[in-house]
């Protein structure tokens, strides 16, 4: 799309974007695409994935099993081992992403005050 329109393109990955792959692999590809097609010198887009982390609701008694646990490499192993190993894998992904976002936001405020900082889906 970037080659055919003269407008910046922003997108946010969802869990299905990792299906049939892994988090590390998809992030590497998206980083490369973002570097090849930068958004703007005046805009800084920050964000992280939104992982189900099993902390709300009743994970223990739930019979819901998201496809993520079969389709995303980092979650598949936890799913194969067991329900609570999957929960641990989901929580680790969520916690790591939350910490990375916190660090990136602090750096952005310190180093990019002249830029418009966007954190999807929020302004």
N, C-alpha and C. Protein backbone atom coordinates (compact mmCIF):
# COMPACT_ATOMS: atom_id res chain seq x y z
N UNK A 1 0.82 -1.19 0.00
CA UNK A 1 0.00 0.00 0.00
C UNK A 1 0.87 1.26 0.00
N UNK A 2 1.98 1.21 0.74
CA UNK A 2 2.82 2.40 0.84
C UNK A 2 3.35 2.84 -0.51
N UNK A 3 3.52 1.92 -1.43
CA UNK A 3 4.02 2.24 -2.76
C UNK A 3 2.96 2.90 -3.63
N UNK A 4 1.68 2.74 -3.30
CA UNK A 4 0.59 3.20 -4.15
C UNK A 4 -0.16 4.42 -3.64
N UNK A 5 0.02 4.77 -2.38
CA UNK A 5 -0.63 5.97 -1.87
C UNK A 5 0.42 6.87 -1.24
N UNK A 6 0.16 8.14 -1.25
CA UNK A 6 1.12 9.11 -0.72
C UNK A 6 0.71 9.57 0.68
N UNK A 7 0.34 8.64 1.51
CA UNK A 7 -0.08 8.94 2.88
C UNK A 7 0.63 7.98 3.81
N UNK A 8 0.91 8.42 5.04
CA UNK A 8 1.49 7.49 6.01
C UNK A 8 0.49 6.40 6.38
N UNK A 9 0.99 5.22 6.64
CA UNK A 9 0.15 4.09 7.01
C UNK A 9 0.52 3.65 8.42
N UNK A 10 -0.48 3.52 9.27
CA UNK A 10 -0.30 3.01 10.63
C UNK A 10 -1.13 1.74 10.76
N UNK A 11 -0.63 0.80 11.49
CA UNK A 11 -1.42 -0.40 11.76
C UNK A 11 -1.00 -0.98 13.09
N UNK A 12 -1.89 -1.73 13.67
CA UNK A 12 -1.64 -2.39 14.94
C UNK A 12 -1.85 -3.88 14.71
N UNK A 13 -0.87 -4.65 15.09
CA UNK A 13 -0.99 -6.09 14.93
C UNK A 13 -1.97 -6.66 15.96
N UNK A 14 -2.66 -7.69 15.56
CA UNK A 14 -3.54 -8.42 16.45
C UNK A 14 -3.04 -9.84 16.59
N UNK A 15 -3.65 -10.59 17.45
CA UNK A 15 -3.19 -11.95 17.70
C UNK A 15 -3.17 -12.83 16.45
N UNK A 16 -4.10 -12.60 15.51
CA UNK A 16 -4.14 -13.45 14.31
C UNK A 16 -2.95 -13.21 13.40
N UNK A 17 -2.30 -12.06 13.52
CA UNK A 17 -1.13 -11.78 12.69
C UNK A 17 0.05 -12.69 13.03
N UNK A 18 0.00 -13.35 14.17
CA UNK A 18 1.08 -14.24 14.59
C UNK A 18 0.79 -15.71 14.27
N UNK A 19 -0.41 -15.98 13.77
CA UNK A 19 -0.78 -17.37 13.49
C UNK A 19 0.16 -17.97 12.44
N UNK A 20 0.45 -19.22 12.61
CA UNK A 20 1.35 -19.98 11.73
C UNK A 20 2.77 -19.42 11.77
N UNK A 21 3.11 -18.74 12.86
CA UNK A 21 4.44 -18.16 13.00
C UNK A 21 4.70 -17.97 14.49
N UNK A 22 5.65 -17.10 14.77
CA UNK A 22 5.98 -16.79 16.15
C UNK A 22 6.11 -15.30 16.34
N UNK A 23 6.08 -14.87 17.58
CA UNK A 23 6.13 -13.46 17.91
C UNK A 23 7.44 -12.84 17.41
N UNK A 24 8.54 -13.49 17.68
CA UNK A 24 9.85 -12.95 17.29
C UNK A 24 9.93 -12.77 15.77
N UNK A 25 9.51 -13.76 15.03
CA UNK A 25 9.57 -13.73 13.56
C UNK A 25 8.71 -12.60 12.99
N UNK A 26 7.47 -12.49 13.46
CA UNK A 26 6.56 -11.47 12.95
C UNK A 26 7.08 -10.08 13.31
N UNK A 27 7.57 -9.91 14.53
CA UNK A 27 8.09 -8.60 14.93
C UNK A 27 9.29 -8.20 14.09
N UNK A 28 10.15 -9.14 13.75
CA UNK A 28 11.29 -8.83 12.89
C UNK A 28 10.82 -8.35 11.51
N UNK A 29 9.84 -9.02 10.95
CA UNK A 29 9.32 -8.63 9.63
C UNK A 29 8.66 -7.26 9.68
N UNK A 30 7.89 -6.99 10.71
CA UNK A 30 7.20 -5.71 10.83
C UNK A 30 8.20 -4.58 11.07
N UNK A 31 9.23 -4.86 11.85
CA UNK A 31 10.28 -3.85 12.08
C UNK A 31 10.96 -3.50 10.76
N UNK A 32 11.26 -4.51 9.98
CA UNK A 32 11.89 -4.27 8.67
C UNK A 32 10.97 -3.44 7.77
N UNK A 33 9.69 -3.80 7.70
CA UNK A 33 8.73 -3.03 6.89
C UNK A 33 8.63 -1.58 7.37
N UNK A 34 8.62 -1.40 8.67
CA UNK A 34 8.51 -0.05 9.24
C UNK A 34 9.74 0.78 8.92
N UNK A 35 10.89 0.16 8.90
CA UNK A 35 12.12 0.89 8.57
C UNK A 35 12.17 1.23 7.08
N UNK A 36 11.64 0.37 6.25
CA UNK A 36 11.61 0.62 4.82
C UNK A 36 10.57 1.67 4.45
N UNK A 37 9.52 1.79 5.25
CA UNK A 37 8.42 2.73 4.99
C UNK A 37 8.14 3.54 6.25
N UNK A 38 9.04 4.46 6.61
CA UNK A 38 8.84 5.20 7.86
C UNK A 38 7.56 6.02 7.83
N UNK A 39 6.96 6.15 9.00
CA UNK A 39 5.70 6.87 9.14
C UNK A 39 5.88 8.36 8.84
N UNK A 40 6.72 9.02 9.60
CA UNK A 40 6.98 10.44 9.43
C UNK A 40 8.08 10.82 10.40
N UNK A 41 8.82 11.84 10.08
CA UNK A 41 9.87 12.30 10.99
C UNK A 41 9.28 13.05 12.19
N UNK A 42 8.02 13.45 12.08
CA UNK A 42 7.38 14.22 13.14
C UNK A 42 6.48 13.38 14.04
N UNK A 43 6.34 12.11 13.73
CA UNK A 43 5.44 11.24 14.48
C UNK A 43 6.20 10.04 15.00
N UNK A 44 5.94 9.70 16.25
CA UNK A 44 6.52 8.51 16.86
C UNK A 44 5.35 7.61 17.26
N UNK A 45 5.29 6.43 16.68
CA UNK A 45 4.21 5.48 16.95
C UNK A 45 4.75 4.42 17.90
N UNK A 46 4.15 4.33 19.07
CA UNK A 46 4.56 3.35 20.07
C UNK A 46 3.40 2.42 20.37
N UNK A 47 3.72 1.19 20.68
CA UNK A 47 2.67 0.26 21.06
C UNK A 47 3.22 -1.12 21.29
N UNK A 48 2.40 -1.94 21.83
CA UNK A 48 2.74 -3.33 22.07
C UNK A 48 1.52 -4.17 21.78
N UNK A 49 1.76 -5.45 21.71
CA UNK A 49 0.67 -6.38 21.45
C UNK A 49 -0.26 -6.43 22.65
N UNK A 50 -1.42 -6.95 22.43
CA UNK A 50 -2.41 -7.08 23.50
C UNK A 50 -2.69 -8.56 23.68
N UNK A 51 -2.02 -9.14 24.61
CA UNK A 51 -2.15 -10.59 24.82
C UNK A 51 -3.18 -10.89 25.90
N UNK A 52 -3.93 -11.96 25.68
CA UNK A 52 -4.78 -12.48 26.75
C UNK A 52 -3.83 -12.99 27.83
N UNK A 53 -4.04 -12.56 29.06
CA UNK A 53 -3.13 -13.00 30.11
C UNK A 53 -3.80 -13.81 31.21
N UNK A 54 -5.08 -14.10 31.06
CA UNK A 54 -5.76 -14.99 32.00
C UNK A 54 -5.94 -14.42 33.39
N UNK A 55 -5.76 -13.12 33.56
CA UNK A 55 -5.85 -12.54 34.90
C UNK A 55 -7.27 -12.08 35.26
N UNK A 56 -8.12 -11.94 34.28
CA UNK A 56 -9.50 -11.54 34.54
C UNK A 56 -10.41 -12.71 34.23
N UNK A 57 -11.54 -12.73 34.87
CA UNK A 57 -12.46 -13.84 34.65
C UNK A 57 -12.06 -15.03 35.50
N UNK A 58 -12.48 -16.19 35.06
CA UNK A 58 -12.22 -17.41 35.82
C UNK A 58 -11.47 -18.40 34.92
N UNK A 59 -10.18 -18.20 34.76
CA UNK A 59 -9.36 -19.03 33.88
C UNK A 59 -9.46 -20.51 34.26
N UNK A 60 -9.43 -20.79 35.54
CA UNK A 60 -9.42 -22.19 36.01
C UNK A 60 -10.61 -22.99 35.52
N UNK A 61 -11.79 -22.37 35.53
CA UNK A 61 -13.01 -23.09 35.18
C UNK A 61 -13.48 -22.85 33.74
N UNK A 62 -12.80 -21.96 33.03
CA UNK A 62 -13.23 -21.65 31.67
C UNK A 62 -12.96 -22.81 30.71
N UNK A 63 -13.92 -23.05 29.84
CA UNK A 63 -13.74 -24.07 28.81
C UNK A 63 -13.35 -23.44 27.47
N UNK A 64 -13.19 -22.12 27.47
CA UNK A 64 -12.80 -21.42 26.24
C UNK A 64 -11.32 -21.67 25.98
N UNK A 65 -11.02 -22.06 24.77
CA UNK A 65 -9.63 -22.27 24.37
C UNK A 65 -9.40 -21.50 23.08
N UNK A 66 -8.70 -20.39 23.16
CA UNK A 66 -8.43 -19.57 21.99
C UNK A 66 -7.51 -20.30 21.02
N UNK A 67 -7.69 -20.04 19.74
CA UNK A 67 -6.82 -20.63 18.73
C UNK A 67 -5.37 -20.19 18.91
N UNK A 68 -5.15 -19.07 19.59
CA UNK A 68 -3.80 -18.58 19.81
C UNK A 68 -2.90 -19.67 20.38
N UNK A 69 -3.45 -20.48 21.26
CA UNK A 69 -2.64 -21.50 21.94
C UNK A 69 -2.22 -22.63 21.02
N UNK A 70 -2.82 -22.70 19.85
CA UNK A 70 -2.41 -23.72 18.86
C UNK A 70 -1.68 -23.10 17.67
N UNK A 71 -1.92 -21.81 17.44
CA UNK A 71 -1.45 -21.18 16.21
C UNK A 71 -0.22 -20.28 16.37
N UNK A 72 0.12 -19.91 17.60
CA UNK A 72 1.27 -19.03 17.85
C UNK A 72 2.36 -19.84 18.53
N UNK A 73 3.51 -19.86 17.91
CA UNK A 73 4.61 -20.71 18.34
C UNK A 73 4.91 -20.60 19.84
N UNK A 74 5.01 -19.38 20.37
CA UNK A 74 5.38 -19.20 21.78
C UNK A 74 4.31 -19.71 22.74
N UNK A 75 3.08 -19.83 22.29
CA UNK A 75 2.00 -20.32 23.15
C UNK A 75 1.72 -21.81 22.94
N UNK A 76 2.08 -22.30 21.79
CA UNK A 76 1.80 -23.71 21.46
C UNK A 76 2.46 -24.66 22.45
N UNK A 77 3.71 -24.40 22.78
CA UNK A 77 4.43 -25.30 23.70
C UNK A 77 3.76 -25.34 25.07
N UNK A 78 3.37 -24.16 25.59
CA UNK A 78 2.68 -24.13 26.88
C UNK A 78 1.37 -24.88 26.84
N UNK A 79 0.66 -24.78 25.71
CA UNK A 79 -0.62 -25.47 25.54
C UNK A 79 -0.42 -26.98 25.54
N UNK A 80 0.62 -27.44 24.88
CA UNK A 80 0.89 -28.88 24.81
C UNK A 80 1.22 -29.44 26.19
N UNK A 81 1.97 -28.67 26.97
CA UNK A 81 2.37 -29.14 28.30
C UNK A 81 1.17 -29.14 29.25
N UNK A 82 0.35 -28.08 29.19
CA UNK A 82 -0.82 -28.05 30.07
C UNK A 82 -1.43 -26.67 30.19
N UNK A 83 -2.62 -26.65 30.74
CA UNK A 83 -3.41 -25.42 30.85
C UNK A 83 -2.68 -24.34 31.65
N UNK A 84 -2.03 -24.71 32.73
CA UNK A 84 -1.39 -23.69 33.57
C UNK A 84 -0.02 -23.29 33.04
N UNK A 85 0.60 -24.14 32.26
CA UNK A 85 1.82 -23.75 31.56
C UNK A 85 1.49 -22.75 30.46
N UNK A 86 0.35 -22.93 29.81
CA UNK A 86 -0.14 -21.97 28.81
C UNK A 86 -0.42 -20.63 29.48
N UNK A 87 -1.08 -20.66 30.63
CA UNK A 87 -1.36 -19.44 31.37
C UNK A 87 -0.06 -18.70 31.70
N UNK A 88 0.95 -19.43 32.14
CA UNK A 88 2.24 -18.84 32.45
C UNK A 88 2.87 -18.20 31.20
N UNK A 89 2.78 -18.87 30.07
CA UNK A 89 3.33 -18.33 28.82
C UNK A 89 2.59 -17.06 28.40
N UNK A 90 1.26 -17.05 28.53
CA UNK A 90 0.48 -15.86 28.19
C UNK A 90 0.85 -14.69 29.10
N UNK A 91 0.99 -14.97 30.38
CA UNK A 91 1.31 -13.91 31.33
C UNK A 91 2.71 -13.36 31.11
N UNK A 92 3.64 -14.22 30.75
CA UNK A 92 5.01 -13.74 30.47
C UNK A 92 5.02 -12.83 29.25
N UNK A 93 4.31 -13.21 28.19
CA UNK A 93 4.23 -12.34 27.01
C UNK A 93 3.62 -10.99 27.37
N UNK A 94 2.52 -11.01 28.10
CA UNK A 94 1.83 -9.78 28.48
C UNK A 94 2.71 -8.91 29.38
N UNK A 95 3.36 -9.52 30.36
CA UNK A 95 4.21 -8.76 31.28
C UNK A 95 5.42 -8.16 30.57
N UNK A 96 6.04 -8.92 29.70
CA UNK A 96 7.20 -8.41 28.95
C UNK A 96 6.79 -7.24 28.06
N UNK A 97 5.65 -7.36 27.40
CA UNK A 97 5.19 -6.28 26.53
C UNK A 97 4.81 -5.04 27.32
N UNK A 98 4.18 -5.22 28.47
CA UNK A 98 3.81 -4.07 29.31
C UNK A 98 5.07 -3.35 29.80
N UNK A 99 6.07 -4.09 30.18
CA UNK A 99 7.33 -3.49 30.65
C UNK A 99 8.04 -2.77 29.50
N UNK A 100 8.06 -3.38 28.33
CA UNK A 100 8.71 -2.76 27.16
C UNK A 100 7.98 -1.46 26.79
N UNK A 101 6.65 -1.47 26.84
CA UNK A 101 5.90 -0.26 26.55
C UNK A 101 6.20 0.84 27.57
N UNK A 102 6.25 0.47 28.83
CA UNK A 102 6.58 1.45 29.87
C UNK A 102 7.95 2.08 29.61
N UNK A 103 8.95 1.25 29.31
CA UNK A 103 10.29 1.76 29.04
C UNK A 103 10.31 2.64 27.79
N UNK A 104 9.64 2.19 26.73
CA UNK A 104 9.61 2.96 25.48
C UNK A 104 8.90 4.30 25.65
N UNK A 105 7.84 4.33 26.44
CA UNK A 105 7.14 5.58 26.69
C UNK A 105 8.03 6.56 27.45
N UNK A 106 8.76 6.06 28.44
CA UNK A 106 9.66 6.93 29.19
C UNK A 106 10.75 7.49 28.28
N UNK A 107 11.33 6.65 27.44
CA UNK A 107 12.35 7.11 26.49
C UNK A 107 11.77 8.11 25.50
N UNK A 108 10.58 7.84 25.01
CA UNK A 108 9.96 8.72 24.03
C UNK A 108 9.74 10.11 24.60
N UNK A 109 9.27 10.18 25.82
CA UNK A 109 9.03 11.48 26.45
C UNK A 109 10.35 12.22 26.67
N UNK A 110 11.39 11.49 27.01
CA UNK A 110 12.69 12.12 27.25
C UNK A 110 13.38 12.55 25.97
N UNK A 111 13.29 11.74 24.92
CA UNK A 111 14.11 11.95 23.73
C UNK A 111 13.36 12.52 22.52
N UNK A 112 12.05 12.51 22.54
CA UNK A 112 11.28 12.91 21.36
C UNK A 112 10.18 13.92 21.69
N UNK A 113 10.50 14.88 22.52
CA UNK A 113 9.49 15.85 22.93
C UNK A 113 8.93 16.66 21.77
N UNK A 114 9.70 16.82 20.71
CA UNK A 114 9.23 17.62 19.58
C UNK A 114 8.31 16.83 18.65
N UNK A 115 8.20 15.54 18.86
CA UNK A 115 7.37 14.71 17.99
C UNK A 115 5.99 14.48 18.59
N UNK A 116 5.05 14.19 17.72
CA UNK A 116 3.73 13.74 18.15
C UNK A 116 3.87 12.26 18.47
N UNK A 117 3.53 11.87 19.69
CA UNK A 117 3.65 10.48 20.12
C UNK A 117 2.27 9.86 20.14
N UNK A 118 2.11 8.77 19.39
CA UNK A 118 0.83 8.07 19.31
C UNK A 118 1.01 6.67 19.88
N UNK A 119 0.11 6.29 20.77
CA UNK A 119 0.11 4.95 21.35
C UNK A 119 -1.26 4.34 21.04
N UNK A 120 -1.37 3.54 19.96
CA UNK A 120 -2.67 2.97 19.60
C UNK A 120 -3.19 2.06 20.69
N UNK A 121 -4.46 1.96 20.89
CA UNK A 121 -5.52 2.66 20.17
C UNK A 121 -5.85 4.00 20.79
N UNK A 122 -4.97 4.52 21.61
CA UNK A 122 -5.21 5.78 22.31
C UNK A 122 -4.43 6.91 21.67
N UNK A 123 -4.89 8.14 21.86
CA UNK A 123 -4.13 9.31 21.39
C UNK A 123 -2.91 9.49 22.25
